[in-house]
C-alpha atoms as a PDB file:
ATOM      1  CA  MET A   1      34.049 -32.281   6.552  1.00  0.00           C
ATOM      2  CA  ASN A   2      36.080 -30.610   9.290  1.00  0.00           C
ATOM      3  CA  GLY A   3      32.961 -29.802  11.307  1.00  0.00           C
ATOM      4  CA  SER A   4      33.265 -26.027  10.980  1.00  0.00           C
ATOM      5  CA  VAL A   5      29.633 -25.794   9.827  1.00  0.00           C
ATOM      6  CA  PRO A   6      27.189 -27.100  12.446  1.00  0.00           C
ATOM      7  CA  LEU A   7      24.968 -28.917   9.940  1.00  0.00           C
ATOM      8  CA  LYS A   8      22.652 -30.454  12.530  1.00  0.00           C
ATOM      9  CA  LYS A   9      22.071 -27.061  14.168  1.00  0.00           C
ATOM     10  CA  LEU A  10      21.400 -24.951  11.059  1.00  0.00           C
ATOM     11  CA  ALA A  11      17.634 -25.455  11.150  1.00  0.00           C
ATOM     12  CA  ASN A  12      17.462 -23.941  14.637  1.00  0.00           C
ATOM     13  CA  MET A  13      19.781 -20.999  13.988  1.00  0.00           C
ATOM     14  CA  GLU A  14      18.820 -17.429  13.092  1.00  0.00           C
ATOM     15  CA  ASN A  15      19.120 -16.487   9.410  1.00  0.00           C
ATOM     16  CA  GLU A  16      22.225 -14.341   9.867  1.00  0.00           C
ATOM     17  CA  ALA A  17      23.966 -17.057  11.880  1.00  0.00           C
ATOM     18  CA  VAL A  18      23.230 -19.602   9.147  1.00  0.00           C
ATOM     19  CA  ILE A  19      24.636 -17.269   6.500  1.00  0.00           C
ATOM     20  CA  GLU A  20      27.750 -16.583   8.587  1.00  0.00           C
ATOM     21  CA  SER A  21      28.324 -20.316   9.036  1.00  0.00           C
ATOM     22  CA  LEU A  22      27.803 -21.229   5.395  1.00  0.00           C
ATOM     23  CA  VAL A  23      29.933 -18.489   3.820  1.00  0.00           C
ATOM     24  CA  GLN A  24      32.945 -19.874   5.663  1.00  0.00           C
ATOM     25  CA  VAL A  25      32.886 -22.754   3.185  1.00  0.00           C
ATOM     26  CA  ARG A  26      34.906 -22.062   0.049  1.00  0.00           C
ATOM     27  CA  GLY A  27      32.551 -21.523  -2.876  1.00  0.00           C
ATOM     28  CA  ILE A  28      29.512 -20.552  -0.791  1.00  0.00           C
ATOM     29  CA  GLY A  29      28.646 -16.880  -0.836  1.00  0.00           C
ATOM     30  CA  PRO A  30      25.755 -14.870   0.594  1.00  0.00           C
ATOM     31  CA  TRP A  31      23.464 -15.599  -2.369  1.00  0.00           C
ATOM     32  CA  THR A  32      23.951 -19.364  -2.058  1.00  0.00           C
ATOM     33  CA  ALA A  33      23.371 -19.175   1.698  1.00  0.00           C
ATOM     34  CA  GLU A  34      20.159 -17.189   1.146  1.00  0.00           C
ATOM     35  CA  MET A  35      18.914 -19.754  -1.393  1.00  0.00           C
ATOM     36  CA  PHE A  36      19.659 -22.458   1.202  1.00  0.00           C
ATOM     37  CA  LEU A  37      17.570 -20.545   3.745  1.00  0.00           C
ATOM     38  CA  ILE A  38      14.668 -20.180   1.312  1.00  0.00           C
ATOM     39  CA  PHE A  39      14.623 -23.579  -0.376  1.00  0.00           C
ATOM     40  CA  SER A  40      16.223 -25.991   2.091  1.00  0.00           C
ATOM     41  CA  LEU A  41      15.180 -24.516   5.420  1.00  0.00           C
ATOM     42  CA  GLY A  42      11.890 -23.014   4.187  1.00  0.00           C
ATOM     43  CA  ARG A  43      12.485 -19.633   5.793  1.00  0.00           C
ATOM     44  CA  PRO A  44       9.641 -17.250   4.888  1.00  0.00           C
ATOM     45  CA  ASP A  45      11.479 -13.962   5.483  1.00  0.00           C
ATOM     46  CA  VAL A  46      14.658 -13.858   3.398  1.00  0.00           C
ATOM     47  CA  LEU A  47      15.357 -10.999   1.004  1.00  0.00           C
ATOM     48  CA  PRO A  48      18.130 -12.028  -1.417  1.00  0.00           C
ATOM     49  CA  VAL A  49      19.204  -8.522  -2.432  1.00  0.00           C
ATOM     50  CA  GLY A  50      22.047  -9.864  -4.576  1.00  0.00           C
ATOM     51  CA  ASP A  51      19.687 -11.922  -6.745  1.00  0.00           C
ATOM     52  CA  TYR A  52      19.466 -10.634 -10.320  1.00  0.00           C
ATOM     53  CA  GLY A  53      15.940 -11.989 -10.840  1.00  0.00           C
ATOM     54  CA  LEU A  54      14.649 -10.142  -7.796  1.00  0.00           C
ATOM     55  CA  ARG A  55      16.395  -6.945  -8.851  1.00  0.00           C
ATOM     56  CA  ALA A  56      15.040  -7.187 -12.416  1.00  0.00           C
ATOM     57  CA  GLY A  57      11.522  -7.939 -11.199  1.00  0.00           C
ATOM     58  CA  VAL A  58      11.509  -5.044  -8.747  1.00  0.00           C
ATOM     59  CA  GLN A  59      12.813  -2.753 -11.486  1.00  0.00           C
ATOM     60  CA  ARG A  60       9.947  -3.828 -13.749  1.00  0.00           C
ATOM     61  CA  HIS A  61       7.137  -3.743 -11.171  1.00  0.00           C
ATOM     62  CA  TYR A  62       8.229  -0.523  -9.499  1.00  0.00           C
ATOM     63  CA  GLN A  63       9.021   1.070 -12.869  1.00  0.00           C
ATOM     64  CA  LEU A  64      12.547   2.011 -11.866  1.00  0.00           C
ATOM     65  CA  PRO A  65      14.923   3.415 -14.493  1.00  0.00           C
ATOM     66  CA  GLU A  66      17.701   0.973 -13.503  1.00  0.00           C
ATOM     67  CA  LEU A  67      18.248  -2.144 -11.434  1.00  0.00           C
ATOM     68  CA  PRO A  68      17.779  -1.258  -7.769  1.00  0.00           C
ATOM     69  CA  LYS A  69      20.812  -1.384  -5.515  1.00  0.00           C
ATOM     70  CA  LYS A  70      20.801  -3.326  -2.247  1.00  0.00           C
ATOM     71  CA  ASP A  71      19.779  -0.351  -0.098  1.00  0.00           C
ATOM     72  CA  ARG A  72      16.790   0.384  -2.339  1.00  0.00           C
ATOM     73  CA  LEU A  73      15.738  -3.287  -2.263  1.00  0.00           C
ATOM     74  CA  HIS A  74      15.849  -3.226   1.529  1.00  0.00           C
ATOM     75  CA  GLU A  75      13.595  -0.135   1.515  1.00  0.00           C
ATOM     76  CA  ILE A  76      11.102  -1.700  -0.886  1.00  0.00           C
ATOM     77  CA  GLY A  77      11.236  -5.109   0.793  1.00  0.00           C
ATOM     78  CA  ALA A  78      10.566  -3.684   4.258  1.00  0.00           C
ATOM     79  CA  SER A  79       6.838  -3.634   3.513  1.00  0.00           C
ATOM     80  CA  TRP A  80       6.942  -7.338   2.605  1.00  0.00           C
ATOM     81  CA  LYS A  81       8.033  -8.433   6.101  1.00  0.00           C
ATOM     82  CA  PRO A  82       7.637 -11.092   7.463  1.00  0.00           C
ATOM     83  CA  TYR A  83       7.132 -12.798   4.085  1.00  0.00           C
ATOM     84  CA  ARG A  84       9.970 -11.474   1.946  1.00  0.00           C
ATOM     85  CA  SER A  85      10.803 -14.962   0.622  1.00  0.00           C
ATOM     86  CA  ILE A  86       7.255 -15.364  -0.630  1.00  0.00           C
ATOM     87  CA  ALA A  87       7.278 -11.897  -2.222  1.00  0.00           C
ATOM     88  CA  THR A  88      10.545 -12.843  -3.913  1.00  0.00           C
ATOM     89  CA  TRP A  89       8.975 -16.040  -5.292  1.00  0.00           C
ATOM     90  CA  TYR A  90       6.113 -14.025  -6.780  1.00  0.00           C
ATOM     91  CA  ILE A  91       8.509 -11.552  -8.348  1.00  0.00           C
ATOM     92  CA  TRP A  92      10.579 -14.378  -9.824  1.00  0.00           C
ATOM     93  CA  ARG A  93       7.457 -16.003 -11.257  1.00  0.00           C
ATOM     94  CA  SER A  94       6.235 -12.709 -12.687  1.00  0.00           C
ATOM     95  CA  LEU A  95       9.284 -12.677 -14.941  1.00  0.00           C
ATOM     96  CA  GLY A  96       8.055 -15.799 -16.706  1.00  0.00           C
ATOM     97  CA  ASN A  97       8.916 -19.460 -16.726  1.00  0.00           C
ATOM     98  CA  PRO A  98      12.684 -19.890 -17.029  1.00  0.00           C
ATOM     99  CA  ASN A  99      12.244 -23.543 -18.054  1.00  0.00           C
ATOM    100  CA  PRO A 100       9.337 -23.787 -20.505  1.00  0.00           C
ATOM    101  CA  PRO A 101       8.207 -27.312 -21.314  1.00  0.00           C
ATOM    102  CA  ALA A 102       9.832 -28.920 -24.352  1.00  0.00           C
ATOM    103  CA  GLU A 103       7.639 -29.175 -27.395  1.00  0.00           C
END
């Protein structure tokens, strides 16, 4: 409301600049900003390393003994560039439907 986030300019800003702008708002952290980039701005190359679903999916598919830390996710995700958002979607979906239809 105070104009600290340039809402009309977000779509034309680089990913990191969008994240920096959004996290200034109380209650918005990096994960929320990354979800905004993926789902609201349609950015194809976002790797939400703090996302539990991504971490769990990478652990399963890469047969890791524990949830990967951020550095390991960056290493693995490097080969997914420039489509890390899309790779993340596939990993999320591979974990199953979180909202199965009601019977």
